[in-house]
Every structure is written in structure tokens, then in C-alpha cells.
Protein backbone atom coordinates (compact mmCIF):
# COMPACT_ATOMS: atom_id res chain seq x y z
CA MET A 1 33.05 121.15 98.77
CA ASP A 2 34.37 124.38 99.21
CA LYS A 3 37.70 124.44 97.72
CA LYS A 4 39.32 126.04 100.79
CA VAL A 5 38.02 122.97 102.85
CA GLY A 6 39.21 120.81 100.31
CA LYS A 7 42.97 122.24 100.51
CA VAL A 8 42.87 121.64 104.38
CA GLU A 9 41.46 118.09 103.89
CA GLU A 10 44.54 117.44 101.39
CA ILE A 11 46.98 119.26 103.93
CA ARG A 12 45.55 116.94 106.83
CA LYS A 13 46.10 113.95 104.74
CA PHE A 14 49.67 114.72 104.13
CA ILE A 15 50.61 115.58 107.68
CA LEU A 16 49.38 112.46 109.04
CA GLU A 17 51.05 110.41 106.36
CA ASN A 18 54.20 112.63 107.02
CA LEU A 19 54.41 111.98 110.71
CA LYS A 20 53.36 108.03 110.42
CA ASP A 21 56.46 107.66 107.84
CA ASN A 22 59.06 110.33 109.75
CA GLY A 23 58.01 110.29 113.28
CA PRO A 24 57.30 113.47 115.88
CA GLN A 25 58.74 116.68 113.96
CA ARG A 26 58.95 120.53 114.98
CA ARG A 27 55.93 122.40 113.66
CA SER A 28 58.35 124.34 111.66
CA SER A 29 59.44 121.12 109.72
CA ILE A 30 55.84 119.97 109.46
CA ILE A 31 55.08 123.22 107.57
CA LYS A 32 58.16 123.24 105.34
CA ASN A 33 57.61 119.51 104.31
CA ALA A 34 53.68 120.59 103.39
CA LEU A 35 54.98 123.42 101.32
CA GLN A 36 57.30 121.43 99.42
CA ALA A 37 54.96 118.62 98.49
CA LEU A 38 51.88 120.94 98.30
CA PRO A 39 53.32 124.30 96.45
CA THR A 40 49.83 125.60 96.34
CA ALA A 41 49.14 125.38 99.99
CA LYS A 42 49.52 128.78 102.03
CA PRO A 43 51.43 128.99 105.47
CA ASN A 44 47.99 130.05 107.00
CA THR A 45 46.20 126.99 105.51
CA ILE A 46 48.65 124.33 106.82
CA GLU A 47 48.62 126.08 110.06
CA THR A 48 45.03 125.69 110.00
CA ALA A 49 45.38 122.21 109.14
CA ILE A 50 47.67 121.29 112.20
CA ASN A 51 45.16 123.20 114.71
CA SER A 52 42.12 120.85 113.44
CA LEU A 53 44.23 117.88 113.84
CA ASN A 54 44.91 118.88 117.19
CA LYS A 55 41.68 119.71 117.94
CA ASP A 56 40.40 116.12 116.59
CA GLN A 57 42.94 114.53 118.59
CA GLU A 58 44.72 113.23 115.72
CA ILE A 59 47.79 114.95 116.36
CA SER A 60 49.26 116.08 119.74
CA ARG A 61 52.01 118.58 120.81
CA ILE A 62 54.64 116.18 122.77
CA GLU A 63 56.86 119.18 123.88
CA LYS A 64 57.49 122.82 122.78
CA GLY A 65 57.12 123.10 119.31
CA VAL A 66 57.23 119.57 118.56
CA TRP A 67 54.23 117.05 117.19
CA GLY A 68 53.38 113.53 116.56
CA LEU A 69 50.65 111.22 116.07
CA CYS A 70 48.71 110.35 119.32
CA GLU A 71 47.85 107.01 118.54
CA GLU A 72 51.59 106.44 117.99
CA ILE A 73 52.56 107.67 121.50
CA GLY A 74 53.95 105.14 123.84
CA ILE A 75 53.73 102.27 121.14
CA GLU A 76 57.42 101.69 120.89
CA GLU A 77 57.42 101.02 124.90
CA LYS A 78 54.70 98.55 124.54
CA SER A 79 55.85 96.63 121.84
CA PHE A 80 59.49 96.26 123.15
CA ALA A 81 59.23 92.93 123.82
CA SER A 82 57.83 91.56 120.95
CA ALA A 83 59.33 89.22 118.41
CA THR A 84 60.60 91.48 116.18
CA LYS A 85 62.65 92.90 118.61
CA LYS A 86 64.21 89.76 120.05
CA ALA A 87 64.93 88.96 116.37
CA ILE A 88 67.11 92.25 115.99
CA LYS A 89 68.78 91.60 119.40
CA ARG A 90 69.76 88.29 118.04
CA ASP A 91 71.34 89.61 114.93
CA GLU A 92 72.95 92.76 116.53
CA PRO A 93 76.24 90.80 117.10
CA ASP A 94 76.66 90.80 113.16
CA PHE A 95 77.52 94.40 113.31
CA TYR A 96 80.16 94.06 116.53
CA SER A 97 83.01 92.82 114.02
CA PRO A 98 82.44 95.80 110.91
CA PHE A 99 82.23 98.26 113.37
CA ALA A 100 85.71 97.31 115.23
CA ASP A 101 87.38 96.77 111.98
CA TRP A 102 86.07 100.37 110.85
CA LEU A 103 87.50 101.82 114.07
CA VAL A 104 90.87 100.54 112.89
CA ARG A 105 91.17 101.00 109.29
CA GLU A 106 88.52 103.94 108.71
CA VAL A 107 88.55 106.24 111.26
CA GLY A 108 92.18 105.20 112.92
CA GLU A 109 90.82 105.44 116.59
CA CYS A 110 92.44 101.98 117.52
CA SER A 111 95.33 100.16 116.67
CA CYS A 112 93.55 97.05 117.49
CA ALA A 113 90.00 96.59 118.33
CA ILE A 114 88.00 93.05 118.94
CA PRO A 115 84.08 92.56 119.36
CA LEU A 116 83.19 91.30 122.91
CA GLY A 117 79.23 91.84 123.87
CA GLY A 118 77.21 89.07 125.58
CA SER A 119 78.10 88.31 129.17
CA SER A 120 82.16 87.57 128.79
CA LEU A 121 83.03 90.23 131.66
CA LYS A 122 80.26 88.57 133.35
CA ASP A 123 78.67 92.44 133.93
CA TYR A 124 75.82 93.77 131.96
CA TRP A 125 76.87 97.39 132.81
CA GLY A 126 80.80 96.36 131.94
CA THR A 127 80.71 94.89 129.04
CA PRO A 128 80.95 96.50 125.97
CA ASP A 129 80.06 95.41 122.49
CA VAL A 130 83.41 96.39 121.03
CA ILE A 131 86.80 97.29 122.75
CA GLY A 132 89.96 98.52 121.17
CA ILE A 133 93.41 99.80 122.16
CA TYR A 134 95.66 102.30 120.61
CA ARG A 135 99.39 101.85 120.65
CA VAL A 136 102.56 103.65 119.12
CA SER A 137 103.98 101.36 116.72
CA ASP A 138 107.00 98.88 117.92
CA ARG A 139 108.60 99.89 114.74
CA GLY A 140 108.62 103.95 116.10
CA ARG A 141 111.94 105.20 117.40
CA TYR A 142 109.85 106.75 120.06
CA ARG A 143 107.85 104.16 121.55
CA ARG A 144 105.44 103.72 124.68
CA ASP A 145 104.66 100.27 126.36
CA GLN A 146 101.86 101.52 128.06
CA ILE A 147 98.31 101.80 126.44
CA VAL A 148 97.62 105.25 125.14
CA SER A 149 94.03 104.75 124.60
CA PHE A 150 91.37 102.26 125.73
CA VAL A 151 87.98 102.56 123.57
CA SER A 152 84.65 101.05 124.10
CA ALA A 153 81.71 100.87 122.11
CA GLU A 154 77.80 100.07 122.84
CA VAL A 155 76.36 98.81 119.41
CA LYS A 156 72.39 98.79 119.55
CA ARG A 157 70.71 97.78 116.47
CA ASP A 158 67.30 98.12 117.58
CA LYS A 159 65.45 101.43 116.66
CA SER A 160 62.97 101.80 119.75
CA LYS A 161 63.20 104.42 122.17
CA HIS A 162 63.40 101.96 124.94
CA ALA A 163 66.62 100.20 123.24
CA ARG A 164 68.24 103.78 122.58
CA ILE A 165 67.91 105.16 126.17
CA GLU A 166 69.29 101.62 127.37
CA ALA A 167 72.00 101.73 125.34
CA PHE A 168 73.02 105.41 126.19
CA GLY A 169 73.03 104.40 129.72
CA GLN A 170 75.27 101.43 128.97
CA ALA A 171 77.75 103.74 127.00
CA CYS A 172 77.91 106.02 130.14
CA ALA A 173 78.96 103.11 132.54
CA TYR A 174 81.80 102.45 129.92
CA LEU A 175 83.49 105.89 130.72
CA LEU A 176 84.45 104.28 134.37
CA PHE A 177 87.04 102.36 132.42
CA SER A 178 87.63 103.97 129.14
CA HIS A 179 89.29 106.56 127.35
CA LYS A 180 86.91 107.27 124.95
CA VAL A 181 83.32 105.65 124.48
CA TYR A 182 80.87 105.26 121.46
CA LEU A 183 77.56 104.91 121.20
CA VAL A 184 76.59 103.05 117.85
CA LEU A 185 72.84 103.60 116.76
CA PRO A 186 70.84 103.13 113.67
CA ARG A 187 69.60 106.25 111.76
CA ILE A 188 66.10 107.20 112.63
CA LYS A 189 63.86 109.71 111.11
CA ASP A 190 62.63 111.70 114.33
CA GLU A 191 64.33 115.13 114.29
CA LEU A 192 63.58 115.45 118.04
CA GLU A 193 64.78 112.15 119.05
CA SER A 194 68.25 112.94 116.94
CA GLU A 195 68.68 116.27 118.58
CA ARG A 196 68.30 115.28 121.94
CA LEU A 197 70.82 112.24 121.61
CA GLU A 198 73.15 114.53 119.90
CA SER A 199 73.07 116.97 122.77
CA LEU A 200 73.21 114.37 125.71
CA CYS A 201 76.50 112.91 123.89
CA GLU A 202 78.09 116.19 123.76
CA ILE A 203 77.32 116.89 127.36
CA VAL A 204 78.57 113.58 128.82
CA GLY A 205 81.49 113.20 125.84
CA LEU A 206 80.22 110.19 124.22
CA GLY A 207 81.16 109.56 120.64
CA LEU A 208 78.05 109.19 118.71
CA VAL A 209 78.20 106.84 115.33
CA LEU A 210 74.87 106.25 113.17
CA PHE A 211 74.67 103.28 110.44
CA ASN A 212 72.42 101.57 108.55
CA PRO A 213 70.73 98.75 110.49
CA ASP A 214 69.66 96.63 107.48
CA ASP A 215 72.88 95.95 105.88
CA LYS A 216 75.70 94.23 108.14
CA ASP A 217 77.78 94.25 104.71
CA ASN A 218 77.55 98.03 104.49
CA PRO A 219 76.25 99.44 107.53
CA GLU A 220 77.76 103.16 106.27
CA PHE A 221 79.16 104.34 109.59
CA GLU A 222 79.22 107.73 110.01
CA ILE A 223 80.60 109.94 112.92
CA ARG A 224 78.09 112.65 114.29
CA ILE A 225 79.83 113.13 117.72
CA ARG A 226 83.44 112.81 118.47
CA PRO A 227 84.18 111.21 121.87
CA LEU A 228 86.10 113.34 124.39
CA ALA A 229 89.18 111.89 125.96
CA ARG A 230 89.58 111.26 129.73
CA GLU A 231 91.04 109.22 132.37
CA PRO A 232 89.66 106.28 133.06
CA ASP A 233 89.68 104.69 136.59
CA ALA A 234 93.18 102.66 136.61
CA GLU A 235 91.73 99.84 138.83
CA ALA A 236 88.43 99.42 136.78
CA LEU A 237 90.39 99.11 133.27
CA ASN A 238 93.29 96.65 134.91
CA LYS A 239 90.24 94.66 135.89
CA ILE A 240 89.83 93.95 132.28
CA LEU A 241 93.38 93.97 131.15
CA GLU A 242 94.11 91.52 133.27
CA ARG A 243 92.21 88.90 131.73
CA ASP A 244 94.82 87.20 129.45
CA ASP A 245 92.19 85.96 126.65
CA ILE A 246 91.63 89.62 126.07
CA TYR A 247 94.75 91.19 126.64
CA LYS A 248 96.37 88.52 124.14
CA LYS A 249 93.87 89.63 121.23
CA LEU A 250 94.44 93.21 122.10
CA ARG A 251 98.19 93.02 121.33
């Protein structure tokens, strides 16, 4: 076999395995990863391998500069209702209390935070997974009885694109009655998806927190984007705080 042909085949194999393991990537990242894994490869040869994979319909350009495996495009949406997804959703509440505790102890965003979730507020789009408030300590000489900040969070353990879009929409809905809102999602290797999400959170003012969905005892919560503070709709917020079972827990 011609040495050049053999090198192209080696690079093609690496690119396919890399995209399968890490998801869609920018063309520059594909080239960079190939150069690191195959030091003897040349950029022009890598470009040749990418073009041949595209010609053979092994990979496809998803949008400008970003490439992914043809066979995996749309797979996440089709498998969303699978048993695996249902199991993930069932275990998701295990992360509510750890995140509530993290907001209080690690970030200091709330003086008190509690898990909520489910249908406790009888509103799918209006029931955060975690809520919290921030009050000035009663021991302080300067005190305020009113709530300084009401915080909501949407936690999603599912890594699928469908689940992430749904979580983003739910978090946006909480802006109606919250001073600050956090979107809490699993870490993923898809560079394009991560960049899109961070940009969207910055645009609408959501806080973005990433975590390890496989370890409820050590989720490793990490803030990527801090939430913007804003004034909520007073009527919508009071509707929640008028629930004695919730208000007493937050106090």
C-alpha cells in the first residue's frame, strides 16, 4: 500500500473514533486532535482525510466549521423515550438536595435552599427543581424582613440534546418569578453544543452550572456563567410564597 494512502486511512480511522467518542467538533479541533495523536501526520494530509470522509458520507458539516458523524445525526432525538432515558429521569431528584446545599454552603447564593421539583406547584413550566432565598441574618444590626433574592434552578441529568433544550426552556420560564435562575446540566464533550448553551445563557441572563451526572455523592458542581439579577413579577412570586408549606421551609 502507498505510504500516503496508508497515512490517510490511519487519520480517517482516528477522526471517526474521535468524533464517535467526543461528538461534533470544529474542523480546527479535529485537525488539532489528529496532530496530537499522530505526530507524524501533516495538516494537508489531515485535510485530505476529512474531505474523503465527507465524500464517502462518513462525516458531514453540521454548520459552518463544525463536523459530526452522519450516522449519529438525529439519533439522540429518536432514542429520547428509551428505557435508559426513563431511568436517568427517575434518578434525577437525587441531585436536587446536593445542589440546594451547594447553593448555600459553597456559593453563598442563598441563605436557605430546598429541593422542590415534581408537580408540587401543579405547573410543569412553573415548578423549579430547587428554590432558595437570600435574607440578611437576623443577628445583623442592619436587617431587612423582605426577601433580598429568590433563586430558582432547573436540574437535568439527561445528556441528550432534547433534554437540554427542554431544560433551557423551563429555566427561562422561571425568570417570571425569580430574581436569579440557574440551569444545571451534565458536562458533555460536544464543543459546539457547549458554546451554544453558554452564549444563550449569557443572552437571557441564566446562570449555567455543569456537573458530573454519574456521582450523586460528589457531583462536582461548577459555575460556568453567573446569573443576572432582575426584578421578578411580584404577583407570580407571591403566588409561590403564599404556600405555607414552602414558605416555612425557606424561613
